[in-house]
Amino acid sequence: MLEVIDMAVRSLDVTYNEVSWGIKDTSEDVFDYEFRVLRSESAAGPYEPMSVVFQDRYLFRDSQMPGSHAFRLLNYILRVTNKLTGESVDYGPVTKEPDEDLISLEIRRHLSTLYREFTGRRCWLLPVRTFGQRCPACWDHVLSKRKRSGCKICFDTGFARGYHHPIEVWAQIESGTPAAQQHTNVGTLQQVNNSARISADITAKPRDLLIEAENHRWRVTSVGDTQHNRVSVLLELQLHRIPASDVEYSIPLRLGTSLHELELTPARQFTNPQNRSSLEDTSTQILRIYNAGGVVP
């Protein structure tokens, strides 16, 4: 199988993206393989083909750009297929982002370990769709807006299926956030706002959903980041708790396994040290690095 290297997305034009790649030196016949470029706005997919099947080409220009959106991030993968065996391998995803240097990658690795092993919880992020097929049930093509709310086809996003595939994240969700209740003429409004931190190896944008194992569903209202050399290493999410009566609670979350089989909180949080040697174990040194608080160095 051919090995793809140096895959990247570059463009200085808002009307197209250029996806380029190379292949590692090989003795195989390149014409025994086919290439195809696929695209999604979520790293977890689903991906849609953007090119026809081609051979011996190493540059693709994606001119089918969706409408302008400040927070959208397009992901590309390259599918390489052996014509003789039918075997396919996907390379990527890659996005049009600054290249990570070694320091940025190390900070991300430390933060991912911190949240996965000590201070985070297993959650799922559902990226909202910002382009594609309009909802056939509630979208008015004349007025260019939704005709009603509570639609279970687009989940009030205006786009069919509403959200992309769930992405597993380890998030440090703040605790002790005060709950507010407001009495209005139409009833009582109960509001809960919160914040969470995740490593920036996962991207997020406003209107995405964050789902906890207890089925608490949060809407991302804003996203802040900490950067190193213009590379995001930490994301700060501002969250709004979605009322249980809203249509977002009808979105199916298919994980492929039962919840009781998943480890939802870090196993090390349940280890009770009984002697001094266990406290001095090297596996706990990351707490000293971050002062047990998750602060970016």
Protein backbone atom coordinates (compact mmCIF):
# COMPACT_ATOMS: atom_id res chain seq x y z
CA MET A 1 0.00 0.00 0.00
CA LEU A 2 1.27 3.48 -0.86
CA GLU A 3 2.21 5.68 2.09
CA VAL A 4 1.02 9.29 1.81
CA ILE A 5 3.23 12.01 3.33
CA ASP A 6 3.21 15.81 3.68
CA MET A 7 -0.57 16.17 3.29
CA ALA A 8 -1.62 19.80 3.80
CA VAL A 9 -4.36 22.34 3.06
CA ARG A 10 -3.33 25.80 1.85
CA SER A 11 -5.10 28.73 0.21
CA LEU A 12 -4.88 32.51 -0.07
CA ASP A 13 -8.28 32.71 -1.77
CA VAL A 14 -11.71 32.51 -0.16
CA THR A 15 -13.16 30.70 -3.18
CA TYR A 16 -11.09 27.51 -2.97
CA ASN A 17 -8.77 25.36 -0.85
CA GLU A 18 -5.78 23.48 -2.22
CA VAL A 19 -5.14 20.01 -0.80
CA SER A 20 -1.66 18.68 -1.57
CA TRP A 21 0.22 15.53 -0.64
CA GLY A 22 3.13 13.31 -1.64
CA ILE A 23 3.95 9.62 -1.46
CA LYS A 24 6.89 7.89 0.12
CA ASP A 25 9.45 6.36 -2.24
CA THR A 26 8.20 2.96 -3.33
CA SER A 27 8.87 0.23 -5.90
CA GLU A 28 5.14 -0.34 -6.46
CA ASP A 29 3.36 0.80 -9.60
CA VAL A 30 1.54 4.05 -8.76
CA PHE A 31 -1.09 3.31 -11.43
CA ASP A 32 -2.27 0.33 -9.35
CA TYR A 33 -3.79 2.86 -6.95
CA GLU A 34 -6.66 5.34 -7.07
CA PHE A 35 -7.08 8.56 -5.07
CA ARG A 36 -10.16 10.42 -3.88
CA VAL A 37 -10.55 13.53 -1.68
CA LEU A 38 -13.37 13.68 0.87
CA ARG A 39 -14.49 16.60 3.06
CA SER A 40 -16.39 17.25 6.29
CA GLU A 41 -16.69 20.09 8.78
CA SER A 42 -16.19 17.60 11.63
CA ALA A 43 -13.07 15.51 12.14
CA ALA A 44 -15.27 12.52 13.05
CA GLY A 45 -17.34 12.80 9.86
CA PRO A 46 -19.44 11.93 8.02
CA TYR A 47 -17.26 12.68 5.00
CA GLU A 48 -18.56 13.41 1.53
CA PRO A 49 -16.55 12.87 -1.70
CA MET A 50 -15.41 16.13 -3.28
CA SER A 51 -13.54 14.70 -6.26
CA VAL A 52 -13.86 11.97 -8.81
CA VAL A 53 -11.52 8.99 -8.61
CA PHE A 54 -8.15 9.89 -10.14
CA GLN A 55 -4.59 8.53 -10.50
CA ASP A 56 -1.05 9.89 -10.19
CA ARG A 57 -2.15 13.37 -9.09
CA TYR A 58 -0.94 15.08 -5.93
CA LEU A 59 -2.92 18.32 -5.83
CA PHE A 60 -6.65 18.92 -5.59
CA ARG A 61 -8.39 22.29 -5.65
CA ASP A 62 -11.68 22.34 -3.75
CA SER A 63 -13.71 25.11 -5.39
CA GLN A 64 -17.07 23.99 -3.95
CA MET A 65 -16.72 26.16 -0.86
CA PRO A 66 -19.82 26.61 1.33
CA GLY A 67 -21.10 30.02 2.33
CA SER A 68 -19.06 32.21 4.64
CA HIS A 69 -18.96 31.15 8.31
CA ALA A 70 -16.45 32.61 10.77
CA PHE A 71 -16.17 29.50 12.95
CA ARG A 72 -16.34 26.69 10.39
CA LEU A 73 -13.30 24.45 9.94
CA LEU A 74 -13.21 22.12 6.94
CA ASN A 75 -11.50 18.74 7.30
CA TYR A 76 -10.10 16.76 4.37
CA ILE A 77 -9.07 13.12 4.07
CA LEU A 78 -7.43 11.33 1.15
CA ARG A 79 -8.70 7.83 0.36
CA VAL A 80 -6.15 5.58 -1.37
CA THR A 81 -7.51 2.38 -2.93
CA ASN A 82 -5.60 -0.55 -4.35
CA LYS A 83 -7.37 -1.45 -7.61
CA LEU A 84 -6.21 -5.07 -7.49
CA THR A 85 -7.26 -5.93 -3.93
CA GLY A 86 -9.92 -3.26 -3.28
CA GLU A 87 -8.20 -2.35 0.01
CA SER A 88 -8.60 1.31 1.02
CA VAL A 89 -6.68 3.47 3.50
CA ASP A 90 -7.69 6.97 4.62
CA TYR A 91 -5.04 9.61 5.37
CA GLY A 92 -5.87 12.70 7.41
CA PRO A 93 -7.87 14.58 8.42
CA VAL A 94 -6.03 17.81 7.68
CA THR A 95 -7.31 21.37 7.98
CA LYS A 96 -6.21 24.86 7.00
CA GLU A 97 -4.55 25.67 10.30
CA PRO A 98 -1.05 26.77 11.35
CA ASP A 99 1.48 23.96 11.57
CA GLU A 100 2.04 22.72 15.12
CA ASP A 101 5.59 23.08 16.39
CA LEU A 102 7.08 20.72 18.98
CA ILE A 103 6.20 22.94 21.92
CA SER A 104 2.54 23.22 20.87
CA LEU A 105 2.29 19.46 20.42
CA GLU A 106 3.85 18.87 23.86
CA ILE A 107 1.46 21.30 25.58
CA ARG A 108 -1.49 19.58 23.93
CA ARG A 109 -0.18 16.19 25.01
CA HIS A 110 0.20 17.30 28.62
CA LEU A 111 -3.28 18.82 28.70
CA SER A 112 -4.84 15.74 27.13
CA THR A 113 -3.17 13.59 29.79
CA LEU A 114 -4.28 15.94 32.56
CA TYR A 115 -7.95 15.86 31.55
CA ARG A 116 -8.04 12.17 30.62
CA GLU A 117 -6.20 10.93 33.73
CA PHE A 118 -7.01 13.40 36.51
CA THR A 119 -9.41 16.34 36.16
CA GLY A 120 -11.71 15.57 33.21
CA ARG A 121 -14.85 13.58 32.45
CA ARG A 122 -15.72 11.60 29.36
CA CYS A 123 -18.23 13.61 27.30
CA TRP A 124 -19.34 13.77 23.69
CA LEU A 125 -19.22 16.79 21.41
CA LEU A 126 -21.75 17.07 18.57
CA PRO A 127 -20.60 19.60 15.93
CA VAL A 128 -23.52 21.51 14.46
CA ARG A 129 -23.97 21.49 10.68
CA THR A 130 -23.48 24.87 9.00
CA PHE A 131 -23.98 23.87 5.35
CA GLY A 132 -25.47 21.07 3.27
CA GLN A 133 -29.00 19.84 2.62
CA ARG A 134 -31.67 22.16 3.97
CA CYS A 135 -34.38 20.66 6.15
CA PRO A 136 -37.25 19.41 3.95
CA ALA A 137 -39.76 19.78 6.78
CA CYS A 138 -39.29 23.29 8.20
CA TRP A 139 -37.10 25.33 5.85
CA ASP A 140 -38.77 28.06 3.78
CA HIS A 141 -36.71 28.55 0.63
CA VAL A 142 -38.52 31.80 -0.20
CA LEU A 143 -37.98 33.50 3.17
CA SER A 144 -34.67 31.65 3.83
CA LYS A 145 -35.57 30.77 7.39
CA ARG A 146 -37.21 28.03 9.45
CA LYS A 147 -41.00 28.05 9.53
CA ARG A 148 -41.37 26.36 12.93
CA SER A 149 -39.39 25.20 15.93
CA GLY A 150 -39.12 21.78 17.51
CA CYS A 151 -38.31 20.06 14.21
CA LYS A 152 -37.00 16.52 14.75
CA ILE A 153 -35.44 16.30 11.30
CA CYS A 154 -33.00 19.22 11.61
CA PHE A 155 -33.22 19.73 15.42
CA ASP A 156 -33.75 23.47 14.85
CA THR A 157 -30.53 23.95 12.89
CA GLY A 158 -32.10 24.39 9.45
CA PHE A 159 -29.97 21.57 7.99
CA ALA A 160 -31.09 17.96 7.61
CA ARG A 161 -29.84 15.71 10.44
CA GLY A 162 -28.68 18.78 12.34
CA TYR A 163 -25.40 17.54 13.78
CA HIS A 164 -22.36 15.51 12.75
CA HIS A 165 -21.12 12.30 14.35
CA PRO A 166 -20.28 12.54 18.08
CA ILE A 167 -16.65 13.13 19.09
CA GLU A 168 -15.43 11.76 22.41
CA VAL A 169 -13.74 14.41 24.56
CA TRP A 170 -12.37 14.58 28.09
CA ALA A 171 -13.61 17.87 29.53
CA GLN A 172 -12.92 19.61 32.81
CA ILE A 173 -16.35 21.03 33.63
CA GLU A 174 -16.53 23.64 36.36
CA SER A 175 -18.56 22.81 39.47
CA GLY A 176 -20.63 24.93 41.83
CA THR A 177 -22.15 27.16 39.14
CA PRO A 178 -25.17 28.98 40.61
CA ALA A 179 -28.57 28.16 39.13
CA ALA A 180 -30.93 31.05 38.32
CA GLN A 181 -34.72 31.06 38.19
CA GLN A 182 -36.75 33.85 36.62
CA HIS A 183 -40.51 34.30 36.77
CA THR A 184 -42.10 35.64 33.58
CA ASN A 185 -45.60 36.03 32.16
CA VAL A 186 -45.22 32.78 30.22
CA GLY A 187 -43.91 30.73 33.13
CA THR A 188 -40.75 30.07 35.09
CA LEU A 189 -37.38 30.09 33.36
CA GLN A 190 -34.61 28.03 34.94
CA GLN A 191 -31.15 28.79 33.63
CA VAL A 192 -27.81 27.16 34.30
CA ASN A 193 -24.60 28.40 32.69
CA ASN A 194 -21.20 26.80 33.06
CA SER A 195 -17.75 26.55 31.50
CA ALA A 196 -15.46 23.71 30.47
CA ARG A 197 -11.90 23.20 29.30
CA ILE A 198 -10.72 20.75 26.66
CA SER A 199 -7.45 20.18 24.86
CA ALA A 200 -7.36 21.89 21.47
CA ASP A 201 -6.70 18.66 19.57
CA ILE A 202 -10.52 18.75 19.35
CA THR A 203 -12.11 21.77 17.67
CA ALA A 204 -15.37 23.34 18.84
CA LYS A 205 -17.51 26.27 17.79
CA PRO A 206 -20.63 28.10 19.06
CA ARG A 207 -23.89 26.10 18.81
CA ASP A 208 -22.11 22.75 19.15
CA LEU A 209 -23.54 20.41 21.80
CA LEU A 210 -21.65 18.91 24.74
CA ILE A 211 -23.34 15.83 26.27
CA GLU A 212 -22.49 14.28 29.63
CA ALA A 213 -23.11 10.66 30.59
CA GLU A 214 -26.00 11.76 32.84
CA ASN A 215 -27.62 13.17 29.67
CA HIS A 216 -27.02 16.77 30.70
CA ARG A 217 -26.91 18.56 27.38
CA TRP A 218 -25.10 21.87 27.02
CA ARG A 219 -25.02 24.30 24.12
CA VAL A 220 -21.66 25.94 23.44
CA THR A 221 -22.29 29.70 23.44
CA SER A 222 -18.71 30.92 22.98
CA VAL A 223 -15.22 29.48 22.57
CA GLY A 224 -11.98 31.04 23.77
CA ASP A 225 -8.54 29.58 23.22
CA THR A 226 -4.97 29.79 24.46
CA GLN A 227 -2.42 29.81 21.64
CA HIS A 228 1.26 29.19 21.11
CA ASN A 229 2.64 30.54 17.84
CA ARG A 230 -0.95 30.91 16.60
CA VAL A 231 -1.65 27.24 17.32
CA SER A 232 -4.52 26.61 19.74
CA VAL A 233 -3.50 24.42 22.67
CA LEU A 234 -6.45 24.89 25.06
CA LEU A 235 -10.14 25.65 24.48
CA GLU A 236 -12.37 27.40 27.03
CA LEU A 237 -16.04 26.65 26.35
CA GLN A 238 -18.89 28.73 27.75
CA LEU A 239 -21.94 26.49 28.13
CA HIS A 240 -25.69 26.94 28.52
CA ARG A 241 -27.77 24.07 29.91
CA ILE A 242 -30.51 23.08 27.47
CA PRO A 243 -33.95 22.56 29.05
CA ALA A 244 -35.09 18.93 29.00
CA SER A 245 -38.20 19.90 27.01
CA ASP A 246 -36.17 21.18 24.03
CA VAL A 247 -35.79 19.21 20.80
CA GLU A 248 -32.04 18.69 21.35
CA TYR A 249 -32.89 15.92 23.83
CA SER A 250 -34.37 13.87 20.99
CA ILE A 251 -31.01 13.70 19.18
CA PRO A 252 -29.85 10.06 19.30
CA LEU A 253 -26.37 9.46 20.71
CA ARG A 254 -25.06 6.22 19.22
CA LEU A 255 -21.85 5.22 20.97
CA GLY A 256 -21.52 1.63 19.79
CA THR A 257 -21.25 0.36 23.37
CA SER A 258 -23.21 0.46 26.62
CA LEU A 259 -22.69 3.30 29.07
CA HIS A 260 -22.01 0.92 31.95
CA GLU A 261 -19.04 -0.47 30.02
CA LEU A 262 -17.43 2.96 29.66
CA GLU A 263 -15.03 4.57 32.09
CA LEU A 264 -16.63 7.99 32.59
CA THR A 265 -14.18 9.48 35.10
CA PRO A 266 -10.42 8.91 35.41
CA ALA A 267 -9.68 5.63 37.17
CA ARG A 268 -6.86 7.27 39.15
CA GLN A 269 -9.39 9.46 40.95
CA PHE A 270 -10.68 6.34 42.71
CA THR A 271 -7.30 5.01 43.83
CA ASN A 272 -6.87 5.44 47.58
CA PRO A 273 -3.13 5.67 48.41
CA GLN A 274 -2.30 3.63 51.53
CA ASN A 275 1.42 4.23 51.80
CA ARG A 276 4.00 6.87 51.06
CA SER A 277 5.56 5.00 48.18
CA SER A 278 2.31 5.17 46.20
CA LEU A 279 2.21 8.94 46.71
CA GLU A 280 5.70 9.21 45.24
CA ASP A 281 4.78 7.19 42.17
CA THR A 282 5.94 8.87 38.98
CA SER A 283 2.44 8.65 37.51
CA THR A 284 1.31 11.51 39.77
CA GLN A 285 4.06 13.92 38.75
CA ILE A 286 1.81 15.62 36.19
CA LEU A 287 -0.20 17.11 39.08
CA ARG A 288 2.91 18.91 40.26
CA ILE A 289 3.65 20.17 36.78
CA TYR A 290 0.25 21.87 36.56
CA ASN A 291 -0.12 22.62 40.26
CA ALA A 292 -3.21 20.33 40.19
CA GLY A 293 -5.20 23.10 38.56
CA GLY A 294 -4.96 22.65 34.81
CA VAL A 295 -3.13 25.94 34.17
CA VAL A 296 -1.34 26.14 30.87
CA PRO A 297 2.40 26.68 31.33
